[in-house]
Amino acid sequence: VEEVQLHTLFDFYLDGRFVETLEVGPERLRLALNYGFERCLRFRVTP
């Protein structure tokens, strides 16, 4: 089974203010979610 390399663009907000957009791969995404960063990351999947 071929693994799809999904990359996600994250809009990083701090205290409700936009900071920057980061490109995050699957491994980093899981790591970030494990540490609770979903509270400040709004993500959109790139085509």
PDB file of N, CA and C in Angstrom:
ATOM      1  N   VAL A   1       0.849  -1.206   0.000  1.00  0.00           N
ATOM      2  CA  VAL A   1       0.000   0.000   0.000  1.00  0.00           C
ATOM      3  C   VAL A   1       0.876   1.244   0.000  1.00  0.00           C
ATOM      4  N   GLU A   2       0.638   2.101  -0.971  1.00  0.00           N
ATOM      5  CA  GLU A   2       1.434   3.317  -1.099  1.00  0.00           C
ATOM      6  C   GLU A   2       0.900   4.387  -0.155  1.00  0.00           C
ATOM      7  N   GLU A   3       1.804   4.976   0.621  1.00  0.00           N
ATOM      8  CA  GLU A   3       1.381   5.995   1.583  1.00  0.00           C
ATOM      9  C   GLU A   3       1.341   7.365   0.917  1.00  0.00           C
ATOM     10  N   VAL A   4       0.229   8.032   1.058  1.00  0.00           N
ATOM     11  CA  VAL A   4       0.076   9.370   0.478  1.00  0.00           C
ATOM     12  C   VAL A   4       0.760  10.389   1.382  1.00  0.00           C
ATOM     13  N   GLN A   5       1.626  11.185   0.803  1.00  0.00           N
ATOM     14  CA  GLN A   5       2.297  12.235   1.576  1.00  0.00           C
ATOM     15  C   GLN A   5       1.404  13.466   1.612  1.00  0.00           C
ATOM     16  N   LEU A   6       0.559  13.521   2.633  1.00  0.00           N
ATOM     17  CA  LEU A   6      -0.365  14.643   2.770  1.00  0.00           C
ATOM     18  C   LEU A   6       0.308  15.785   3.513  1.00  0.00           C
ATOM     19  N   HIS A   7       0.262  16.959   2.918  1.00  0.00           N
ATOM     20  CA  HIS A   7       0.788  18.132   3.595  1.00  0.00           C
ATOM     21  C   HIS A   7      -0.354  19.095   3.862  1.00  0.00           C
ATOM     22  N   THR A   8      -0.344  19.658   5.014  1.00  0.00           N
ATOM     23  CA  THR A   8      -1.426  20.531   5.435  1.00  0.00           C
ATOM     24  C   THR A   8      -0.884  21.917   5.723  1.00  0.00           C
ATOM     25  N   LEU A   9      -1.581  22.928   5.252  1.00  0.00           N
ATOM     26  CA  LEU A   9      -1.207  24.302   5.581  1.00  0.00           C
ATOM     27  C   LEU A   9      -1.924  24.703   6.859  1.00  0.00           C
ATOM     28  N   PHE A  10      -1.145  25.159   7.817  1.00  0.00           N
ATOM     29  CA  PHE A  10      -1.715  25.589   9.081  1.00  0.00           C
ATOM     30  C   PHE A  10      -1.649  27.105   9.193  1.00  0.00           C
ATOM     31  N   ASP A  11      -2.776  27.712   9.494  1.00  0.00           N
ATOM     32  CA  ASP A  11      -2.781  29.127   9.834  1.00  0.00           C
ATOM     33  C   ASP A  11      -2.585  29.199  11.342  1.00  0.00           C
ATOM     34  N   PHE A  12      -1.461  29.754  11.764  1.00  0.00           N
ATOM     35  CA  PHE A  12      -1.119  29.774  13.178  1.00  0.00           C
ATOM     36  C   PHE A  12      -1.619  31.060  13.829  1.00  0.00           C
ATOM     37  N   TYR A  13      -2.471  30.902  14.834  1.00  0.00           N
ATOM     38  CA  TYR A  13      -3.034  32.041  15.556  1.00  0.00           C
ATOM     39  C   TYR A  13      -2.538  32.018  16.996  1.00  0.00           C
ATOM     40  N   LEU A  14      -2.246  33.197  17.529  1.00  0.00           N
ATOM     41  CA  LEU A  14      -1.874  33.300  18.928  1.00  0.00           C
ATOM     42  C   LEU A  14      -2.767  34.363  19.557  1.00  0.00           C
ATOM     43  N   ASP A  15      -3.551  33.952  20.546  1.00  0.00           N
ATOM     44  CA  ASP A  15      -4.513  34.859  21.175  1.00  0.00           C
ATOM     45  C   ASP A  15      -5.461  35.466  20.147  1.00  0.00           C
ATOM     46  N   GLY A  16      -5.852  34.653  19.175  1.00  0.00           N
ATOM     47  CA  GLY A  16      -6.823  35.102  18.188  1.00  0.00           C
ATOM     48  C   GLY A  16      -6.242  35.947  17.071  1.00  0.00           C
ATOM     49  N   ARG A  17      -4.928  36.196  17.107  1.00  0.00           N
ATOM     50  CA  ARG A  17      -4.313  36.999  16.060  1.00  0.00           C
ATOM     51  C   ARG A  17      -3.483  36.125  15.133  1.00  0.00           C
ATOM     52  N   PHE A  18      -3.614  36.376  13.836  1.00  0.00           N
ATOM     53  CA  PHE A  18      -2.886  35.583  12.844  1.00  0.00           C
ATOM     54  C   PHE A  18      -1.395  35.841  12.960  1.00  0.00           C
ATOM     55  N   VAL A  19      -0.615  34.770  12.976  1.00  0.00           N
ATOM     56  CA  VAL A  19       0.828  34.906  13.076  1.00  0.00           C
ATOM     57  C   VAL A  19       1.499  34.550  11.752  1.00  0.00           C
ATOM     58  N   GLU A  20       1.301  33.304  11.310  1.00  0.00           N
ATOM     59  CA  GLU A  20       1.902  32.886  10.052  1.00  0.00           C
ATOM     60  C   GLU A  20       1.270  31.588   9.573  1.00  0.00           C
ATOM     61  N   THR A  21       1.587  31.226   8.334  1.00  0.00           N
ATOM     62  CA  THR A  21       1.109  29.972   7.779  1.00  0.00           C
ATOM     63  C   THR A  21       2.272  28.998   7.701  1.00  0.00           C
ATOM     64  N   LEU A  22       2.052  27.799   8.231  1.00  0.00           N
ATOM     65  CA  LEU A  22       3.099  26.788   8.255  1.00  0.00           C
ATOM     66  C   LEU A  22       2.659  25.577   7.442  1.00  0.00           C
ATOM     67  N   GLU A  23       3.619  24.953   6.743  1.00  0.00           N
ATOM     68  CA  GLU A  23       3.325  23.701   6.056  1.00  0.00           C
ATOM     69  C   GLU A  23       3.816  22.559   6.928  1.00  0.00           C
ATOM     70  N   VAL A  24       2.895  21.672   7.274  1.00  0.00           N
ATOM     71  CA  VAL A  24       3.213  20.617   8.227  1.00  0.00           C
ATOM     72  C   VAL A  24       2.908  19.251   7.627  1.00  0.00           C
ATOM     73  N   GLY A  25       3.876  18.354   7.689  1.00  0.00           N
ATOM     74  CA  GLY A  25       3.681  16.999   7.208  1.00  0.00           C
ATOM     75  C   GLY A  25       2.953  16.151   8.236  1.00  0.00           C
ATOM     76  N   PRO A  26       2.604  14.925   7.861  1.00  0.00           N
ATOM     77  CA  PRO A  26       1.806  14.039   8.715  1.00  0.00           C
ATOM     78  C   PRO A  26       2.437  13.787  10.086  1.00  0.00           C
ATOM     79  N   GLU A  27       3.753  13.568  10.133  1.00  0.00           N
ATOM     80  CA  GLU A  27       4.396  13.250  11.404  1.00  0.00           C
ATOM     81  C   GLU A  27       4.314  14.442  12.352  1.00  0.00           C
ATOM     82  N   ARG A  28       4.641  15.608  11.845  1.00  0.00           N
ATOM     83  CA  ARG A  28       4.591  16.812  12.676  1.00  0.00           C
ATOM     84  C   ARG A  28       3.163  17.127  13.090  1.00  0.00           C
ATOM     85  N   LEU A  29       2.229  16.825  12.194  1.00  0.00           N
ATOM     86  CA  LEU A  29       0.821  17.074  12.504  1.00  0.00           C
ATOM     87  C   LEU A  29       0.394  16.247  13.710  1.00  0.00           C
ATOM     88  N   ARG A  30       0.739  14.966  13.686  1.00  0.00           N
ATOM     89  CA  ARG A  30       0.389  14.109  14.820  1.00  0.00           C
ATOM     90  C   ARG A  30       1.064  14.588  16.099  1.00  0.00           C
ATOM     91  N   LEU A  31       2.325  14.980  15.977  1.00  0.00           N
ATOM     92  CA  LEU A  31       3.067  15.453  17.141  1.00  0.00           C
ATOM     93  C   LEU A  31       2.415  16.709  17.723  1.00  0.00           C
ATOM     94  N   ALA A  32       2.064  17.639  16.836  1.00  0.00           N
ATOM     95  CA  ALA A  32       1.446  18.883  17.285  1.00  0.00           C
ATOM     96  C   ALA A  32       0.114  18.612  17.988  1.00  0.00           C
ATOM     97  N   LEU A  33      -0.695  17.739  17.397  1.00  0.00           N
ATOM     98  CA  LEU A  33      -1.993  17.447  17.998  1.00  0.00           C
ATOM     99  C   LEU A  33      -1.820  16.751  19.344  1.00  0.00           C
ATOM    100  N   ASN A  34      -0.792  15.915  19.448  1.00  0.00           N
ATOM    101  CA  ASN A  34      -0.539  15.234  20.713  1.00  0.00           C
ATOM    102  C   ASN A  34      -0.204  16.228  21.815  1.00  0.00           C
ATOM    103  N   TYR A  35       0.418  17.335  21.446  1.00  0.00           N
ATOM    104  CA  TYR A  35       0.808  18.319  22.446  1.00  0.00           C
ATOM    105  C   TYR A  35      -0.240  19.412  22.645  1.00  0.00           C
ATOM    106  N   GLY A  36      -1.396  19.254  21.961  1.00  0.00           N
ATOM    107  CA  GLY A  36      -2.505  20.167  22.207  1.00  0.00           C
ATOM    108  C   GLY A  36      -2.456  21.463  21.433  1.00  0.00           C
ATOM    109  N   PHE A  37      -1.662  21.497  20.363  1.00  0.00           N
ATOM    110  CA  PHE A  37      -1.541  22.731  19.592  1.00  0.00           C
ATOM    111  C   PHE A  37      -2.770  23.017  18.738  1.00  0.00           C
ATOM    112  N   GLU A  38      -3.738  22.066  18.736  1.00  0.00           N
ATOM    113  CA  GLU A  38      -4.925  22.294  17.917  1.00  0.00           C
ATOM    114  C   GLU A  38      -5.691  23.524  18.384  1.00  0.00           C
ATOM    115  N   ARG A  39      -5.402  23.987  19.599  1.00  0.00           N
ATOM    116  CA  ARG A  39      -6.111  25.169  20.102  1.00  0.00           C
ATOM    117  C   ARG A  39      -5.680  26.434  19.360  1.00  0.00           C
ATOM    118  N   CYS A  40      -4.472  26.436  18.787  1.00  0.00           N
ATOM    119  CA  CYS A  40      -4.002  27.652  18.132  1.00  0.00           C
ATOM    120  C   CYS A  40      -3.696  27.428  16.660  1.00  0.00           C
ATOM    121  N   LEU A  41      -3.977  26.228  16.128  1.00  0.00           N
ATOM    122  CA  LEU A  41      -3.737  25.965  14.716  1.00  0.00           C
ATOM    123  C   LEU A  41      -5.055  25.717  14.002  1.00  0.00           C
ATOM    124  N   ARG A  42      -5.321  26.501  12.973  1.00  0.00           N
ATOM    125  CA  ARG A  42      -6.478  26.234  12.130  1.00  0.00           C
ATOM    126  C   ARG A  42      -5.923  25.690  10.813  1.00  0.00           C
ATOM    127  N   PHE A  43      -6.355  24.478  10.426  1.00  0.00           N
ATOM    128  CA  PHE A  43      -5.720  23.871   9.276  1.00  0.00           C
ATOM    129  C   PHE A  43      -6.642  23.783   8.079  1.00  0.00           C
ATOM    130  N   ARG A  44      -6.031  23.820   6.902  1.00  0.00           N
ATOM    131  CA  ARG A  44      -6.757  23.548   5.672  1.00  0.00           C
ATOM    132  C   ARG A  44      -5.879  22.629   4.826  1.00  0.00           C
ATOM    133  N   VAL A  45      -6.482  21.645   4.233  1.00  0.00           N
ATOM    134  CA  VAL A  45      -5.731  20.674   3.441  1.00  0.00           C
ATOM    135  C   VAL A  45      -5.538  21.210   2.037  1.00  0.00           C
ATOM    136  N   THR A  46      -4.299  21.173   1.571  1.00  0.00           N
ATOM    137  CA  THR A  46      -4.009  21.642   0.215  1.00  0.00           C
ATOM    138  C   THR A  46      -4.360  20.548  -0.786  1.00  0.00           C
ATOM    139  N   PRO A  47      -4.805  20.932  -1.959  1.00  0.00           N
ATOM    140  CA  PRO A  47      -5.170  19.953  -3.004  1.00  0.00           C
ATOM    141  C   PRO A  47      -3.941  19.210  -3.527  1.00  0.00           C
TER     142      PRO A  47
END
